[in-house]
N, C-alpha and C. Protein backbone atom coordinates (compact mmCIF):
# COMPACT_ATOMS: atom_id res chain seq x y z
N MET A 1 0.44 -10.97 7.10
CA MET A 1 1.43 -10.72 6.07
C MET A 1 1.93 -9.28 6.20
N LYS A 2 3.21 -9.08 6.06
CA LYS A 2 3.77 -7.74 6.08
C LYS A 2 3.62 -7.09 4.70
N LEU A 3 3.58 -5.77 4.70
CA LEU A 3 3.49 -5.04 3.44
C LEU A 3 4.67 -5.34 2.53
N LYS A 4 5.86 -5.51 3.11
CA LYS A 4 7.02 -5.75 2.24
C LYS A 4 6.91 -7.09 1.53
N LYS A 5 6.16 -8.03 2.10
CA LYS A 5 5.92 -9.30 1.39
C LYS A 5 4.86 -9.10 0.30
N LEU A 6 3.83 -8.31 0.62
CA LEU A 6 2.78 -8.03 -0.37
C LEU A 6 3.38 -7.31 -1.58
N PHE A 7 4.23 -6.32 -1.32
CA PHE A 7 4.82 -5.53 -2.40
C PHE A 7 6.18 -6.09 -2.80
N ASP A 8 6.21 -7.36 -3.15
CA ASP A 8 7.49 -7.98 -3.54
C ASP A 8 7.76 -7.88 -5.04
N SER A 9 6.81 -7.33 -5.79
CA SER A 9 7.04 -7.10 -7.23
C SER A 9 6.16 -5.94 -7.69
N PRO A 10 6.59 -5.24 -8.73
CA PRO A 10 5.85 -4.06 -9.21
C PRO A 10 4.41 -4.36 -9.62
N GLU A 11 4.14 -5.56 -10.05
CA GLU A 11 2.80 -5.93 -10.49
C GLU A 11 1.80 -5.93 -9.35
N LYS A 12 2.27 -5.91 -8.11
CA LYS A 12 1.37 -5.97 -6.96
C LYS A 12 1.04 -4.59 -6.40
N TRP A 13 1.52 -3.53 -7.08
CA TRP A 13 1.26 -2.17 -6.63
C TRP A 13 0.43 -1.43 -7.68
N THR A 14 -0.45 -0.54 -7.21
CA THR A 14 -1.26 0.24 -8.13
C THR A 14 -1.44 1.66 -7.61
N GLN A 15 -1.97 2.50 -8.44
CA GLN A 15 -2.31 3.87 -8.09
C GLN A 15 -3.74 4.15 -8.51
N GLY A 16 -4.38 5.10 -7.83
CA GLY A 16 -5.70 5.55 -8.25
C GLY A 16 -6.87 4.79 -7.68
N THR A 17 -6.63 3.71 -7.01
CA THR A 17 -7.68 2.91 -6.38
C THR A 17 -7.03 2.03 -5.32
N LEU A 18 -7.82 1.51 -4.40
CA LEU A 18 -7.27 0.69 -3.32
C LEU A 18 -6.75 -0.66 -3.81
N ALA A 19 -7.45 -1.25 -4.79
CA ALA A 19 -7.05 -2.57 -5.29
C ALA A 19 -7.57 -2.77 -6.71
N ARG A 20 -6.89 -3.67 -7.43
CA ARG A 20 -7.30 -4.01 -8.80
C ARG A 20 -7.18 -5.52 -9.02
N ARG A 21 -7.97 -5.98 -9.99
CA ARG A 21 -7.83 -7.36 -10.47
C ARG A 21 -6.67 -7.41 -11.46
N HIS A 22 -6.32 -8.60 -11.91
CA HIS A 22 -5.24 -8.78 -12.88
C HIS A 22 -5.48 -8.03 -14.19
N ASP A 23 -6.76 -7.79 -14.53
CA ASP A 23 -7.08 -7.07 -15.77
C ASP A 23 -7.15 -5.56 -15.58
N GLY A 24 -6.85 -5.08 -14.37
CA GLY A 24 -6.82 -3.65 -14.10
C GLY A 24 -8.11 -3.08 -13.55
N LYS A 25 -9.18 -3.86 -13.50
CA LYS A 25 -10.45 -3.36 -12.99
C LYS A 25 -10.37 -3.15 -11.48
N PRO A 26 -10.79 -1.98 -10.97
CA PRO A 26 -10.80 -1.75 -9.53
C PRO A 26 -11.76 -2.70 -8.81
N VAL A 27 -11.31 -3.18 -7.66
CA VAL A 27 -12.13 -4.06 -6.82
C VAL A 27 -11.87 -3.72 -5.36
N SER A 28 -12.66 -4.28 -4.49
CA SER A 28 -12.47 -4.14 -3.05
C SER A 28 -11.15 -4.81 -2.64
N ILE A 29 -10.53 -4.29 -1.61
CA ILE A 29 -9.31 -4.93 -1.11
C ILE A 29 -9.59 -6.33 -0.58
N TYR A 30 -10.85 -6.60 -0.25
CA TYR A 30 -11.23 -7.91 0.28
C TYR A 30 -11.69 -8.88 -0.79
N ASP A 31 -11.76 -8.43 -2.03
CA ASP A 31 -12.16 -9.30 -3.14
C ASP A 31 -11.05 -10.31 -3.39
N SER A 32 -11.41 -11.56 -3.50
CA SER A 32 -10.40 -12.61 -3.72
C SER A 32 -9.69 -12.45 -5.06
N ALA A 33 -10.26 -11.68 -5.97
CA ALA A 33 -9.64 -11.45 -7.28
C ALA A 33 -8.62 -10.31 -7.24
N ALA A 34 -8.52 -9.59 -6.13
CA ALA A 34 -7.57 -8.47 -6.03
C ALA A 34 -6.15 -9.01 -6.12
N THR A 35 -5.38 -8.43 -7.03
CA THR A 35 -3.99 -8.88 -7.21
C THR A 35 -2.97 -7.77 -6.99
N CYS A 36 -3.43 -6.52 -6.96
CA CYS A 36 -2.50 -5.42 -6.69
C CYS A 36 -3.20 -4.37 -5.85
N PHE A 37 -2.41 -3.64 -5.09
CA PHE A 37 -2.94 -2.72 -4.08
C PHE A 37 -2.14 -1.43 -4.06
N CYS A 38 -2.80 -0.34 -3.69
CA CYS A 38 -2.07 0.88 -3.39
C CYS A 38 -1.49 0.72 -1.98
N LEU A 39 -0.67 1.64 -1.55
CA LEU A 39 -0.06 1.54 -0.23
C LEU A 39 -1.12 1.46 0.86
N PHE A 40 -2.14 2.32 0.79
CA PHE A 40 -3.18 2.31 1.81
C PHE A 40 -4.04 1.06 1.73
N GLY A 41 -4.39 0.63 0.52
CA GLY A 41 -5.16 -0.60 0.35
C GLY A 41 -4.39 -1.81 0.86
N GLY A 42 -3.09 -1.85 0.59
CA GLY A 42 -2.25 -2.93 1.09
C GLY A 42 -2.17 -2.93 2.60
N LEU A 43 -2.09 -1.74 3.17
CA LEU A 43 -2.07 -1.62 4.63
C LEU A 43 -3.34 -2.21 5.23
N ARG A 44 -4.48 -1.85 4.67
CA ARG A 44 -5.76 -2.38 5.17
C ARG A 44 -5.88 -3.89 4.91
N LYS A 45 -5.40 -4.34 3.77
CA LYS A 45 -5.45 -5.78 3.44
C LYS A 45 -4.61 -6.58 4.45
N CYS A 46 -3.42 -6.08 4.77
CA CYS A 46 -2.51 -6.82 5.64
C CYS A 46 -2.83 -6.68 7.12
N TYR A 47 -3.26 -5.49 7.53
CA TYR A 47 -3.40 -5.20 8.96
C TYR A 47 -4.82 -4.85 9.40
N GLY A 48 -5.73 -4.68 8.46
CA GLY A 48 -7.11 -4.34 8.82
C GLY A 48 -7.19 -3.04 9.59
N TYR A 49 -8.00 -3.03 10.63
CA TYR A 49 -8.20 -1.84 11.47
C TYR A 49 -7.74 -2.14 12.89
N THR A 50 -6.63 -2.82 13.01
CA THR A 50 -6.09 -3.22 14.31
C THR A 50 -5.24 -2.11 14.93
N GLU A 51 -4.83 -2.33 16.17
CA GLU A 51 -3.90 -1.40 16.81
C GLU A 51 -2.60 -1.32 16.02
N ASP A 52 -2.15 -2.46 15.52
CA ASP A 52 -0.94 -2.47 14.69
C ASP A 52 -1.09 -1.55 13.48
N ALA A 53 -2.26 -1.56 12.88
CA ALA A 53 -2.50 -0.71 11.71
C ALA A 53 -2.36 0.76 12.08
N GLY A 54 -2.88 1.14 13.23
CA GLY A 54 -2.76 2.52 13.68
C GLY A 54 -1.31 2.93 13.86
N SER A 55 -0.51 2.05 14.44
CA SER A 55 0.92 2.32 14.61
C SER A 55 1.63 2.44 13.27
N ILE A 56 1.24 1.59 12.34
CA ILE A 56 1.86 1.60 11.01
C ILE A 56 1.48 2.88 10.25
N VAL A 57 0.23 3.30 10.36
CA VAL A 57 -0.18 4.56 9.73
C VAL A 57 0.67 5.70 10.27
N ARG A 58 0.87 5.75 11.59
CA ARG A 58 1.69 6.82 12.19
C ARG A 58 3.13 6.73 11.69
N ALA A 59 3.66 5.52 11.58
CA ALA A 59 5.04 5.35 11.09
C ALA A 59 5.16 5.82 9.64
N ILE A 60 4.19 5.46 8.81
CA ILE A 60 4.23 5.86 7.40
C ILE A 60 4.11 7.37 7.27
N THR A 61 3.15 7.97 7.97
CA THR A 61 2.97 9.42 7.83
C THR A 61 4.19 10.16 8.36
N GLY A 62 4.87 9.64 9.36
CA GLY A 62 6.12 10.24 9.81
C GLY A 62 7.20 10.12 8.75
N TYR A 63 7.28 8.98 8.12
CA TYR A 63 8.27 8.72 7.08
C TYR A 63 8.07 9.63 5.87
N ILE A 64 6.81 9.84 5.53
CA ILE A 64 6.51 10.66 4.34
C ILE A 64 6.25 12.12 4.70
N LYS A 65 6.59 12.49 5.90
CA LYS A 65 6.50 13.89 6.37
C LYS A 65 5.05 14.38 6.50
N ARG A 66 4.18 13.55 7.05
CA ARG A 66 2.79 13.90 7.37
C ARG A 66 1.87 14.06 6.16
N GLU A 67 2.32 13.72 5.01
CA GLU A 67 1.47 13.74 3.82
C GLU A 67 0.44 12.62 3.94
N LEU A 68 -0.74 12.80 3.41
CA LEU A 68 -1.74 11.73 3.43
C LEU A 68 -1.24 10.55 2.60
N ILE A 69 -1.42 9.35 3.10
CA ILE A 69 -0.90 8.14 2.45
C ILE A 69 -1.43 8.00 1.01
N PRO A 70 -2.75 8.14 0.77
CA PRO A 70 -3.22 8.02 -0.63
C PRO A 70 -2.62 9.07 -1.56
N LEU A 71 -2.43 10.29 -1.08
CA LEU A 71 -1.83 11.32 -1.93
C LEU A 71 -0.38 10.99 -2.24
N TYR A 72 0.33 10.45 -1.27
CA TYR A 72 1.72 10.03 -1.48
C TYR A 72 1.77 8.92 -2.54
N ASN A 73 0.93 7.90 -2.35
CA ASN A 73 0.90 6.76 -3.27
C ASN A 73 0.56 7.18 -4.69
N ASP A 74 -0.42 8.07 -4.83
CA ASP A 74 -0.95 8.42 -6.15
C ASP A 74 -0.23 9.58 -6.82
N SER A 75 0.76 10.12 -6.17
CA SER A 75 1.52 11.21 -6.77
C SER A 75 2.12 10.74 -8.09
N PRO A 76 2.02 11.55 -9.16
CA PRO A 76 2.48 11.12 -10.49
C PRO A 76 3.95 10.69 -10.54
N GLU A 77 4.79 11.27 -9.69
CA GLU A 77 6.21 10.90 -9.71
C GLU A 77 6.52 9.67 -8.86
N ARG A 78 5.52 9.16 -8.14
CA ARG A 78 5.76 8.01 -7.26
C ARG A 78 6.03 6.77 -8.09
N THR A 79 6.97 5.96 -7.62
CA THR A 79 7.32 4.70 -8.30
C THR A 79 7.19 3.53 -7.34
N PHE A 80 7.16 2.35 -7.90
CA PHE A 80 7.14 1.15 -7.06
C PHE A 80 8.38 1.11 -6.18
N GLU A 81 9.50 1.55 -6.71
CA GLU A 81 10.74 1.55 -5.91
C GLU A 81 10.60 2.44 -4.67
N ASP A 82 9.89 3.54 -4.78
CA ASP A 82 9.62 4.39 -3.61
C ASP A 82 8.83 3.63 -2.55
N ILE A 83 7.81 2.92 -3.00
CA ILE A 83 6.95 2.16 -2.08
C ILE A 83 7.75 1.02 -1.45
N LYS A 84 8.51 0.31 -2.25
CA LYS A 84 9.32 -0.79 -1.74
C LYS A 84 10.34 -0.30 -0.70
N LYS A 85 10.96 0.84 -0.97
CA LYS A 85 11.94 1.40 -0.02
C LYS A 85 11.25 1.76 1.29
N LEU A 86 10.08 2.38 1.21
CA LEU A 86 9.33 2.76 2.40
C LEU A 86 9.02 1.55 3.27
N VAL A 87 8.44 0.50 2.68
CA VAL A 87 8.05 -0.66 3.48
C VAL A 87 9.26 -1.41 4.01
N ASN A 88 10.35 -1.42 3.26
CA ASN A 88 11.57 -2.06 3.74
C ASN A 88 12.24 -1.24 4.84
N ASP A 89 12.31 0.07 4.65
CA ASP A 89 12.92 0.93 5.68
C ASP A 89 12.16 0.85 6.99
N LEU A 90 10.83 0.79 6.92
CA LEU A 90 10.00 0.73 8.13
C LEU A 90 9.81 -0.71 8.63
N ASP A 91 10.24 -1.70 7.85
CA ASP A 91 10.09 -3.12 8.18
C ASP A 91 8.62 -3.46 8.49
N ILE A 92 7.77 -3.05 7.57
CA ILE A 92 6.34 -3.33 7.75
C ILE A 92 5.81 -4.23 6.65
C-alpha cells in the first residue's frame, strides 16, 4: 500500500506516536487495532525496512529539507494537508 492511500483522510494521521487505536491509545504500527499513523509510522507500516523504504526516507528528507521525519510530523504547525501534499507530491 502506498502512503497516499493510507493517508486518504485526516482520521488516519496522528502526531506524538507512531500509531494509535480508534480511541487514541498509542499502539504498535503492527497492531491490528492501529487505525492512524504518523508519517514515519505509516512509512514503516507500508514499506517496512525494505530497499524501497530507504529510497522513500531519502525522498522525504529531501522534500522536507533534511529535517528528521518525526520532528517534521510532530511539529505543532504541521497539518494533515501538509502530510497529504507531501505523499502526493512524492507519489509514495
